[in-house]
Amino acid sequence: MRGPYHLEEKTREREQLSKYIYDYLSSGLYGAHQAYQKRLYDLYVKGDLSGQEAARLDKKGLQPPVGYSSMKNWVAELTERVVRGELSKEKAAAQIRSHFER
């Protein structure tokens, strides 16, 4: 017989999975942003990009995709899609990386 304990256990498992996926994707976002900043800096050092342009592009890179009010909300939405099985963890991480390849 499956009672309230089973439901609580499933809820706790889902919350743990959500936290794991969110932390994984947030870490990927941080790493992708750092790599993006390094590319901008390298272009600046080579003289291919002005300091103002590098700063503008960095700020633009921190803007969430269209339809999201913040990067945090975007990562939360990606997390939910992974938890629901609509998107793999790897594909969600790839979407984050591609955000900084514009």
PDB file of N, CA and C in Angstrom:
ATOM      1  N   MET A   1       0.839  -1.184   0.000  1.00  0.00           N
ATOM      2  CA  MET A   1       0.000   0.000   0.000  1.00  0.00           C
ATOM      3  C   MET A   1       0.883   1.247   0.000  1.00  0.00           C
ATOM      4  N   ARG A   2       0.563   2.168  -0.846  1.00  0.00           N
ATOM      5  CA  ARG A   2       1.344   3.395  -0.939  1.00  0.00           C
ATOM      6  C   ARG A   2       0.592   4.504  -0.226  1.00  0.00           C
ATOM      7  N   GLY A   3       1.184   4.984   0.807  1.00  0.00           N
ATOM      8  CA  GLY A   3       0.532   6.010   1.606  1.00  0.00           C
ATOM      9  C   GLY A   3       1.236   7.342   1.468  1.00  0.00           C
ATOM     10  N   PRO A   4       0.983   8.222   2.415  1.00  0.00           N
ATOM     11  CA  PRO A   4       1.585   9.556   2.394  1.00  0.00           C
ATOM     12  C   PRO A   4       3.117   9.508   2.421  1.00  0.00           C
ATOM     13  N   TYR A   5       3.664   8.475   3.063  1.00  0.00           N
ATOM     14  CA  TYR A   5       5.119   8.374   3.135  1.00  0.00           C
ATOM     15  C   TYR A   5       5.714   8.248   1.733  1.00  0.00           C
ATOM     16  N   HIS A   6       5.095   7.426   0.899  1.00  0.00           N
ATOM     17  CA  HIS A   6       5.583   7.232  -0.465  1.00  0.00           C
ATOM     18  C   HIS A   6       5.536   8.550  -1.244  1.00  0.00           C
ATOM     19  N   LEU A   7       4.457   9.287  -1.099  1.00  0.00           N
ATOM     20  CA  LEU A   7       4.320  10.577  -1.775  1.00  0.00           C
ATOM     21  C   LEU A   7       5.389  11.556  -1.288  1.00  0.00           C
ATOM     22  N   GLU A   8       5.620  11.593   0.016  1.00  0.00           N
ATOM     23  CA  GLU A   8       6.651  12.478   0.565  1.00  0.00           C
ATOM     24  C   GLU A   8       8.028  12.096   0.033  1.00  0.00           C
ATOM     25  N   GLU A   9       8.281  10.793  -0.054  1.00  0.00           N
ATOM     26  CA  GLU A   9       9.565  10.320  -0.566  1.00  0.00           C
ATOM     27  C   GLU A   9       9.751  10.732  -2.023  1.00  0.00           C
ATOM     28  N   LYS A  10       8.721  10.568  -2.842  1.00  0.00           N
ATOM     29  CA  LYS A  10       8.793  10.963  -4.257  1.00  0.00           C
ATOM     30  C   LYS A  10       8.997  12.467  -4.388  1.00  0.00           C
ATOM     31  N   THR A  11       8.308  13.228  -3.558  1.00  0.00           N
ATOM     32  CA  THR A  11       8.454  14.687  -3.589  1.00  0.00           C
ATOM     33  C   THR A  11       9.882  15.079  -3.216  1.00  0.00           C
ATOM     34  N   ARG A  12      10.412  14.447  -2.191  1.00  0.00           N
ATOM     35  CA  ARG A  12      11.782  14.736  -1.757  1.00  0.00           C
ATOM     36  C   ARG A  12      12.789  14.361  -2.858  1.00  0.00           C
ATOM     37  N   GLU A  13      12.578  13.228  -3.524  1.00  0.00           N
ATOM     38  CA  GLU A  13      13.461  12.815  -4.616  1.00  0.00           C
ATOM     39  C   GLU A  13      13.418  13.819  -5.768  1.00  0.00           C
ATOM     40  N   ARG A  14      12.221  14.287  -6.101  1.00  0.00           N
ATOM     41  CA  ARG A  14      12.079  15.270  -7.180  1.00  0.00           C
ATOM     42  C   ARG A  14      12.776  16.584  -6.802  1.00  0.00           C
ATOM     43  N   GLU A  15      12.625  17.005  -5.559  1.00  0.00           N
ATOM     44  CA  GLU A  15      13.286  18.233  -5.104  1.00  0.00           C
ATOM     45  C   GLU A  15      14.803  18.083  -5.156  1.00  0.00           C
ATOM     46  N   GLN A  16      15.311  16.926  -4.764  1.00  0.00           N
ATOM     47  CA  GLN A  16      16.756  16.690  -4.815  1.00  0.00           C
ATOM     48  C   GLN A  16      17.251  16.685  -6.254  1.00  0.00           C
ATOM     49  N   LEU A  17      16.500  16.046  -7.142  1.00  0.00           N
ATOM     50  CA  LEU A  17      16.866  16.035  -8.551  1.00  0.00           C
ATOM     51  C   LEU A  17      16.859  17.454  -9.118  1.00  0.00           C
ATOM     52  N   SER A  18      15.823  18.213  -8.799  1.00  0.00           N
ATOM     53  CA  SER A  18      15.736  19.599  -9.277  1.00  0.00           C
ATOM     54  C   SER A  18      16.919  20.416  -8.790  1.00  0.00           C
ATOM     55  N   LYS A  19      17.273  20.273  -7.523  1.00  0.00           N
ATOM     56  CA  LYS A  19      18.416  21.014  -6.973  1.00  0.00           C
ATOM     57  C   LYS A  19      19.704  20.607  -7.667  1.00  0.00           C
ATOM     58  N   TYR A  20      19.895  19.309  -7.886  1.00  0.00           N
ATOM     59  CA  TYR A  20      21.097  18.828  -8.567  1.00  0.00           C
ATOM     60  C   TYR A  20      21.181  19.415  -9.978  1.00  0.00           C
ATOM     61  N   ILE A  21      20.103  19.337 -10.736  1.00  0.00           N
ATOM     62  CA  ILE A  21      20.095  19.847 -12.118  1.00  0.00           C
ATOM     63  C   ILE A  21      20.312  21.358 -12.127  1.00  0.00           C
ATOM     64  N   TYR A  22      19.619  22.073 -11.238  1.00  0.00           N
ATOM     65  CA  TYR A  22      19.768  23.533 -11.181  1.00  0.00           C
ATOM     66  C   TYR A  22      21.217  23.910 -10.861  1.00  0.00           C
ATOM     67  N   ASP A  23      21.810  23.244  -9.873  1.00  0.00           N
ATOM     68  CA  ASP A  23      23.203  23.534  -9.516  1.00  0.00           C
ATOM     69  C   ASP A  23      24.142  23.224 -10.674  1.00  0.00           C
ATOM     70  N   TYR A  24      23.887  22.100 -11.354  1.00  0.00           N
ATOM     71  CA  TYR A  24      24.703  21.709 -12.515  1.00  0.00           C
ATOM     72  C   TYR A  24      24.618  22.768 -13.611  1.00  0.00           C
ATOM     73  N   LEU A  25      23.403  23.194 -13.931  1.00  0.00           N
ATOM     74  CA  LEU A  25      23.221  24.189 -14.989  1.00  0.00           C
ATOM     75  C   LEU A  25      23.748  25.565 -14.575  1.00  0.00           C
ATOM     76  N   SER A  26      23.576  25.933 -13.326  1.00  0.00           N
ATOM     77  CA  SER A  26      24.099  27.215 -12.839  1.00  0.00           C
ATOM     78  C   SER A  26      25.618  27.240 -12.917  1.00  0.00           C
ATOM     79  N   SER A  27      26.236  26.118 -12.560  1.00  0.00           N
ATOM     80  CA  SER A  27      27.683  26.015 -12.656  1.00  0.00           C
ATOM     81  C   SER A  27      28.123  26.131 -14.115  1.00  0.00           C
ATOM     82  N   GLY A  28      27.379  25.504 -15.009  1.00  0.00           N
ATOM     83  CA  GLY A  28      27.677  25.606 -16.438  1.00  0.00           C
ATOM     84  C   GLY A  28      27.526  27.028 -16.946  1.00  0.00           C
ATOM     85  N   LEU A  29      26.523  27.727 -16.448  1.00  0.00           N
ATOM     86  CA  LEU A  29      26.318  29.128 -16.821  1.00  0.00           C
ATOM     87  C   LEU A  29      27.507  29.969 -16.382  1.00  0.00           C
ATOM     88  N   TYR A  30      27.953  29.755 -15.159  1.00  0.00           N
ATOM     89  CA  TYR A  30      29.100  30.499 -14.629  1.00  0.00           C
ATOM     90  C   TYR A  30      30.343  30.219 -15.482  1.00  0.00           C
ATOM     91  N   GLY A  31      30.586  28.952 -15.780  1.00  0.00           N
ATOM     92  CA  GLY A  31      31.756  28.590 -16.584  1.00  0.00           C
ATOM     93  C   GLY A  31      31.681  29.150 -17.992  1.00  0.00           C
ATOM     94  N   ALA A  32      30.507  29.091 -18.601  1.00  0.00           N
ATOM     95  CA  ALA A  32      30.338  29.622 -19.949  1.00  0.00           C
ATOM     96  C   ALA A  32      30.552  31.125 -19.968  1.00  0.00           C
ATOM     97  N   HIS A  33      30.068  31.802 -18.937  1.00  0.00           N
ATOM     98  CA  HIS A  33      30.263  33.254 -18.872  1.00  0.00           C
ATOM     99  C   HIS A  33      31.738  33.598 -18.689  1.00  0.00           C
ATOM    100  N   GLN A  34      32.437  32.839 -17.859  1.00  0.00           N
ATOM    101  CA  GLN A  34      33.869  33.093 -17.669  1.00  0.00           C
ATOM    102  C   GLN A  34      34.635  32.892 -18.981  1.00  0.00           C
ATOM    103  N   ALA A  35      34.315  31.829 -19.714  1.00  0.00           N
ATOM    104  CA  ALA A  35      34.978  31.577 -20.999  1.00  0.00           C
ATOM    105  C   ALA A  35      34.674  32.712 -21.981  1.00  0.00           C
ATOM    106  N   TYR A  36      33.445  33.194 -21.962  1.00  0.00           N
ATOM    107  CA  TYR A  36      33.031  34.308 -22.819  1.00  0.00           C
ATOM    108  C   TYR A  36      33.829  35.565 -22.474  1.00  0.00           C
ATOM    109  N   GLN A  37      33.956  35.850 -21.182  1.00  0.00           N
ATOM    110  CA  GLN A  37      34.730  37.016 -20.758  1.00  0.00           C
ATOM    111  C   GLN A  37      36.186  36.894 -21.200  1.00  0.00           C
ATOM    112  N   LYS A  38      36.748  35.692 -21.112  1.00  0.00           N
ATOM    113  CA  LYS A  38      38.130  35.486 -21.533  1.00  0.00           C
ATOM    114  C   LYS A  38      38.275  35.739 -23.030  1.00  0.00           C
ATOM    115  N   ARG A  39      37.314  35.261 -23.836  1.00  0.00           N
ATOM    116  CA  ARG A  39      37.375  35.523 -25.279  1.00  0.00           C
ATOM    117  C   ARG A  39      37.330  37.024 -25.560  1.00  0.00           C
ATOM    118  N   LEU A  40      36.453  37.737 -24.857  1.00  0.00           N
ATOM    119  CA  LEU A  40      36.370  39.188 -25.044  1.00  0.00           C
ATOM    120  C   LEU A  40      37.682  39.868 -24.649  1.00  0.00           C
ATOM    121  N   TYR A  41      38.245  39.432 -23.528  1.00  0.00           N
ATOM    122  CA  TYR A  41      39.510  40.011 -23.059  1.00  0.00           C
ATOM    123  C   TYR A  41      40.619  39.750 -24.078  1.00  0.00           C
ATOM    124  N   ASP A  42      40.689  38.525 -24.593  1.00  0.00           N
ATOM    125  CA  ASP A  42      41.716  38.193 -25.583  1.00  0.00           C
ATOM    126  C   ASP A  42      41.572  39.064 -26.826  1.00  0.00           C
ATOM    127  N   LEU A  43      40.337  39.290 -27.266  1.00  0.00           N
ATOM    128  CA  LEU A  43      40.111  40.166 -28.422  1.00  0.00           C
ATOM    129  C   LEU A  43      40.525  41.602 -28.112  1.00  0.00           C
ATOM    130  N   TYR A  44      40.270  42.036 -26.895  1.00  0.00           N
ATOM    131  CA  TYR A  44      40.664  43.384 -26.470  1.00  0.00           C
ATOM    132  C   TYR A  44      42.191  43.514 -26.476  1.00  0.00           C
ATOM    133  N   VAL A  45      42.875  42.523 -25.913  1.00  0.00           N
ATOM    134  CA  VAL A  45      44.338  42.556 -25.839  1.00  0.00           C
ATOM    135  C   VAL A  45      44.954  42.566 -27.233  1.00  0.00           C
ATOM    136  N   LYS A  46      44.372  41.812 -28.156  1.00  0.00           N
ATOM    137  CA  LYS A  46      44.879  41.772 -29.535  1.00  0.00           C
ATOM    138  C   LYS A  46      44.595  43.064 -30.287  1.00  0.00           C
ATOM    139  N   GLY A  47      43.720  43.896 -29.745  1.00  0.00           N
ATOM    140  CA  GLY A  47      43.362  45.132 -30.415  1.00  0.00           C
ATOM    141  C   GLY A  47      42.198  44.970 -31.374  1.00  0.00           C
ATOM    142  N   ASP A  48      41.566  43.797 -31.353  1.00  0.00           N
ATOM    143  CA  ASP A  48      40.430  43.548 -32.245  1.00  0.00           C
ATOM    144  C   ASP A  48      39.115  44.073 -31.677  1.00  0.00           C
ATOM    145  N   LEU A  49      39.145  44.530 -30.436  1.00  0.00           N
ATOM    146  CA  LEU A  49      37.933  44.988 -29.756  1.00  0.00           C
ATOM    147  C   LEU A  49      38.305  46.112 -28.801  1.00  0.00           C
ATOM    148  N   SER A  50      37.536  47.191 -28.811  1.00  0.00           N
ATOM    149  CA  SER A  50      37.802  48.278 -27.876  1.00  0.00           C
ATOM    150  C   SER A  50      37.321  47.879 -26.478  1.00  0.00           C
ATOM    151  N   GLY A  51      37.805  48.562 -25.478  1.00  0.00           N
ATOM    152  CA  GLY A  51      37.369  48.308 -24.110  1.00  0.00           C
ATOM    153  C   GLY A  51      35.879  48.543 -23.953  1.00  0.00           C
ATOM    154  N   GLN A  52      35.372  49.597 -24.579  1.00  0.00           N
ATOM    155  CA  GLN A  52      33.938  49.894 -24.506  1.00  0.00           C
ATOM    156  C   GLN A  52      33.108  48.801 -25.158  1.00  0.00           C
ATOM    157  N   GLU A  53      33.573  48.319 -26.310  1.00  0.00           N
ATOM    158  CA  GLU A  53      32.842  47.270 -27.016  1.00  0.00           C
ATOM    159  C   GLU A  53      32.871  45.967 -26.220  1.00  0.00           C
ATOM    160  N   ALA A  54      34.013  45.641 -25.627  1.00  0.00           N
ATOM    161  CA  ALA A  54      34.114  44.431 -24.800  1.00  0.00           C
ATOM    162  C   ALA A  54      33.153  44.511 -23.614  1.00  0.00           C
ATOM    163  N   ALA A  55      33.085  45.669 -22.981  1.00  0.00           N
ATOM    164  CA  ALA A  55      32.171  45.849 -21.839  1.00  0.00           C
ATOM    165  C   ALA A  55      30.714  45.735 -22.292  1.00  0.00           C
ATOM    166  N   ARG A  56      30.410  46.317 -23.445  1.00  0.00           N
ATOM    167  CA  ARG A  56      29.045  46.246 -23.970  1.00  0.00           C
ATOM    168  C   ARG A  56      28.655  44.793 -24.275  1.00  0.00           C
ATOM    169  N   LEU A  57      29.553  44.060 -24.904  1.00  0.00           N
ATOM    170  CA  LEU A  57      29.272  42.665 -25.232  1.00  0.00           C
ATOM    171  C   LEU A  57      29.155  41.797 -23.986  1.00  0.00           C
ATOM    172  N   ASP A  58      29.976  42.101 -22.981  1.00  0.00           N
ATOM    173  CA  ASP A  58      29.882  41.341 -21.734  1.00  0.00           C
ATOM    174  C   ASP A  58      28.523  41.567 -21.083  1.00  0.00           C
ATOM    175  N   LYS A  59      28.093  42.811 -21.047  1.00  0.00           N
ATOM    176  CA  LYS A  59      26.785  43.125 -20.461  1.00  0.00           C
ATOM    177  C   LYS A  59      25.667  42.462 -21.264  1.00  0.00           C
ATOM    178  N   LYS A  60      25.795  42.488 -22.592  1.00  0.00           N
ATOM    179  CA  LYS A  60      24.799  41.859 -23.450  1.00  0.00           C
ATOM    180  C   LYS A  60      24.752  40.347 -23.200  1.00  0.00           C
ATOM    181  N   GLY A  61      25.905  39.732 -22.974  1.00  0.00           N
ATOM    182  CA  GLY A  61      25.970  38.302 -22.715  1.00  0.00           C
ATOM    183  C   GLY A  61      25.246  37.900 -21.442  1.00  0.00           C
ATOM    184  N   LEU A  62      25.143  38.831 -20.504  1.00  0.00           N
ATOM    185  CA  LEU A  62      24.462  38.540 -19.242  1.00  0.00           C
ATOM    186  C   LEU A  62      22.954  38.746 -19.324  1.00  0.00           C
ATOM    187  N   GLN A  63      22.468  39.190 -20.476  1.00  0.00           N
ATOM    188  CA  GLN A  63      21.030  39.365 -20.659  1.00  0.00           C
ATOM    189  C   GLN A  63      20.397  38.001 -20.922  1.00  0.00           C
ATOM    190  N   PRO A  64      19.276  37.718 -20.287  1.00  0.00           N
ATOM    191  CA  PRO A  64      18.625  36.424 -20.527  1.00  0.00           C
ATOM    192  C   PRO A  64      18.045  36.357 -21.937  1.00  0.00           C
ATOM    193  N   PRO A  65      17.809  35.149 -22.417  1.00  0.00           N
ATOM    194  CA  PRO A  65      17.164  35.012 -23.722  1.00  0.00           C
ATOM    195  C   PRO A  65      15.794  35.690 -23.723  1.00  0.00           C
ATOM    196  N   VAL A  66      15.344  36.029 -24.893  1.00  0.00           N
ATOM    197  CA  VAL A  66      14.039  36.677 -25.052  1.00  0.00           C
ATOM    198  C   VAL A  66      12.963  35.807 -24.394  1.00  0.00           C
ATOM    199  N   GLY A  67      12.112  36.443 -23.630  1.00  0.00           N
ATOM    200  CA  GLY A  67      11.022  35.736 -22.973  1.00  0.00           C
ATOM    201  C   GLY A  67      11.291  35.405 -21.517  1.00  0.00           C
ATOM    202  N   TYR A  68      12.495  35.687 -21.035  1.00  0.00           N
ATOM    203  CA  TYR A  68      12.851  35.408 -19.639  1.00  0.00           C
ATOM    204  C   TYR A  68      13.237  36.710 -18.955  1.00  0.00           C
ATOM    205  N   SER A  69      12.810  36.857 -17.719  1.00  0.00           N
ATOM    206  CA  SER A  69      13.082  38.102 -16.999  1.00  0.00           C
ATOM    207  C   SER A  69      14.473  38.128 -16.382  1.00  0.00           C
ATOM    208  N   SER A  70      15.092  36.962 -16.219  1.00  0.00           N
ATOM    209  CA  SER A  70      16.436  36.912 -15.641  1.00  0.00           C
ATOM    210  C   SER A  70      17.114  35.611 -16.046  1.00  0.00           C
ATOM    211  N   MET A  71      18.426  35.583 -15.903  1.00  0.00           N
ATOM    212  CA  MET A  71      19.172  34.356 -16.175  1.00  0.00           C
ATOM    213  C   MET A  71      18.737  33.266 -15.198  1.00  0.00           C
ATOM    214  N   LYS A  72      18.477  33.650 -13.964  1.00  0.00           N
ATOM    215  CA  LYS A  72      18.045  32.690 -12.945  1.00  0.00           C
ATOM    216  C   LYS A  72      16.735  32.014 -13.372  1.00  0.00           C
ATOM    217  N   ASN A  73      15.789  32.788 -13.874  1.00  0.00           N
ATOM    218  CA  ASN A  73      14.521  32.222 -14.335  1.00  0.00           C
ATOM    219  C   ASN A  73      14.721  31.305 -15.539  1.00  0.00           C
ATOM    220  N   TRP A  74      15.640  31.678 -16.412  1.00  0.00           N
ATOM    221  CA  TRP A  74      15.931  30.842 -17.571  1.00  0.00           C
ATOM    222  C   TRP A  74      16.498  29.490 -17.129  1.00  0.00           C
ATOM    223  N   VAL A  75      17.462  29.521 -16.204  1.00  0.00           N
ATOM    224  CA  VAL A  75      18.053  28.277 -15.710  1.00  0.00           C
ATOM    225  C   VAL A  75      16.998  27.453 -14.967  1.00  0.00           C
ATOM    226  N   ALA A  76      16.117  28.110 -14.231  1.00  0.00           N
ATOM    227  CA  ALA A  76      15.040  27.392 -13.529  1.00  0.00           C
ATOM    228  C   ALA A  76      14.108  26.712 -14.532  1.00  0.00           C
ATOM    229  N   GLU A  77      13.791  27.382 -15.626  1.00  0.00           N
ATOM    230  CA  GLU A  77      12.934  26.786 -16.657  1.00  0.00           C
ATOM    231  C   GLU A  77      13.624  25.600 -17.320  1.00  0.00           C
ATOM    232  N   LEU A  78      14.906  25.750 -17.640  1.00  0.00           N
ATOM    233  CA  LEU A  78      15.654  24.627 -18.207  1.00  0.00           C
ATOM    234  C   LEU A  78      15.676  23.450 -17.235  1.00  0.00           C
ATOM    235  N   THR A  79      15.846  23.741 -15.954  1.00  0.00           N
ATOM    236  CA  THR A  79      15.850  22.700 -14.921  1.00  0.00           C
ATOM    237  C   THR A  79      14.535  21.936 -14.935  1.00  0.00           C
ATOM    238  N   GLU A  80      13.429  22.655 -14.952  1.00  0.00           N
ATOM    239  CA  GLU A  80      12.116  22.004 -14.955  1.00  0.00           C
ATOM    240  C   GLU A  80      11.922  21.140 -16.195  1.00  0.00           C
ATOM    241  N   ARG A  81      12.399  21.618 -17.328  1.00  0.00           N
ATOM    242  CA  ARG A  81      12.273  20.828 -18.556  1.00  0.00           C
ATOM    243  C   ARG A  81      13.090  19.535 -18.470  1.00  0.00           C
ATOM    244  N   VAL A  82      14.250  19.604 -17.836  1.00  0.00           N
ATOM    245  CA  VAL A  82      15.058  18.390 -17.656  1.00  0.00           C
ATOM    246  C   VAL A  82      14.358  17.433 -16.697  1.00  0.00           C
ATOM    247  N   VAL A  83      13.863  17.951 -15.579  1.00  0.00           N
ATOM    248  CA  VAL A  83      13.186  17.116 -14.588  1.00  0.00           C
ATOM    249  C   VAL A  83      11.953  16.442 -15.192  1.00  0.00           C
ATOM    250  N   ARG A  84      11.225  17.168 -16.044  1.00  0.00           N
ATOM    251  CA  ARG A  84      10.033  16.595 -16.691  1.00  0.00           C
ATOM    252  C   ARG A  84      10.379  15.622 -17.821  1.00  0.00           C
ATOM    253  N   GLY A  85      11.663  15.564 -18.183  1.00  0.00           N
ATOM    254  CA  GLY A  85      12.083  14.652 -19.241  1.00  0.00           C
ATOM    255  C   GLY A  85      11.936  15.220 -20.636  1.00  0.00           C
ATOM    256  N   GLU A  86      11.690  16.509 -20.762  1.00  0.00           N
ATOM    257  CA  GLU A  86      11.511  17.149 -22.064  1.00  0.00           C
ATOM    258  C   GLU A  86      12.845  17.502 -22.726  1.00  0.00           C
ATOM    259  N   LEU A  87      13.897  17.528 -21.927  1.00  0.00           N
ATOM    260  CA  LEU A  87      15.203  17.981 -22.387  1.00  0.00           C
ATOM    261  C   LEU A  87      16.259  17.225 -21.587  1.00  0.00           C
ATOM    262  N   SER A  88      17.324  16.807 -22.240  1.00  0.00           N
ATOM    263  CA  SER A  88      18.393  16.143 -21.489  1.00  0.00           C
ATOM    264  C   SER A  88      19.234  17.204 -20.779  1.00  0.00           C
ATOM    265  N   LYS A  89      19.901  16.772 -19.752  1.00  0.00           N
ATOM    266  CA  LYS A  89      20.792  17.664 -18.997  1.00  0.00           C
ATOM    267  C   LYS A  89      21.861  18.226 -19.931  1.00  0.00           C
ATOM    268  N   GLU A  90      22.376  17.391 -20.812  1.00  0.00           N
ATOM    269  CA  GLU A  90      23.429  17.810 -21.730  1.00  0.00           C
ATOM    270  C   GLU A  90      22.920  18.841 -22.745  1.00  0.00           C
ATOM    271  N   LYS A  91      21.703  18.643 -23.237  1.00  0.00           N
ATOM    272  CA  LYS A  91      21.142  19.609 -24.197  1.00  0.00           C
ATOM    273  C   LYS A  91      20.849  20.944 -23.525  1.00  0.00           C
ATOM    274  N   ALA A  92      20.420  20.909 -22.267  1.00  0.00           N
ATOM    275  CA  ALA A  92      20.195  22.152 -21.533  1.00  0.00           C
ATOM    276  C   ALA A  92      21.517  22.890 -21.348  1.00  0.00           C
ATOM    277  N   ALA A  93      22.560  22.151 -20.998  1.00  0.00           N
ATOM    278  CA  ALA A  93      23.885  22.766 -20.826  1.00  0.00           C
ATOM    279  C   ALA A  93      24.381  23.342 -22.153  1.00  0.00           C
ATOM    280  N   ALA A  94      24.106  22.653 -23.250  1.00  0.00           N
ATOM    281  CA  ALA A  94      24.511  23.150 -24.569  1.00  0.00           C
ATOM    282  C   ALA A  94      23.779  24.445 -24.922  1.00  0.00           C
ATOM    283  N   GLN A  95      22.520  24.562 -24.532  1.00  0.00           N
ATOM    284  CA  GLN A  95      21.780  25.811 -24.768  1.00  0.00           C
ATOM    285  C   GLN A  95      22.433  26.963 -24.013  1.00  0.00           C
ATOM    286  N   ILE A  96      22.881  26.683 -22.805  1.00  0.00           N
ATOM    287  CA  ILE A  96      23.550  27.729 -22.020  1.00  0.00           C
ATOM    288  C   ILE A  96      24.852  28.148 -22.707  1.00  0.00           C
ATOM    289  N   ARG A  97      25.650  27.177 -23.102  1.00  0.00           N
ATOM    290  CA  ARG A  97      26.918  27.506 -23.773  1.00  0.00           C
ATOM    291  C   ARG A  97      26.665  28.292 -25.048  1.00  0.00           C
ATOM    292  N   SER A  98      25.654  27.894 -25.818  1.00  0.00           N
ATOM    293  CA  SER A  98      25.405  28.577 -27.097  1.00  0.00           C
ATOM    294  C   SER A  98      24.924  30.014 -26.878  1.00  0.00           C
ATOM    295  N   HIS A  99      24.365  30.290 -25.724  1.00  0.00           N
ATOM    296  CA  HIS A  99      23.938  31.659 -25.406  1.00  0.00           C
ATOM    297  C   HIS A  99      25.111  32.634 -25.473  1.00  0.00           C
ATOM    298  N   PHE A 100      26.291  32.140 -25.124  1.00  0.00           N
ATOM    299  CA  PHE A 100      27.474  33.012 -25.110  1.00  0.00           C
ATOM    300  C   PHE A 100      28.290  32.940 -26.399  1.00  0.00           C
ATOM    301  N   GLU A 101      27.782  32.239 -27.392  1.00  0.00           N
ATOM    302  CA  GLU A 101      28.499  32.135 -28.662  1.00  0.00           C
ATOM    303  C   GLU A 101      27.959  33.085 -29.708  1.00  0.00           C
ATOM    304  N   ARG A 102      27.076  33.979 -29.296  1.00  0.00           N
ATOM    305  CA  ARG A 102      26.494  34.926 -30.255  1.00  0.00           C
ATOM    306  C   ARG A 102      27.523  35.911 -30.713  1.00  0.00           C
TER     307      ARG A 102
END
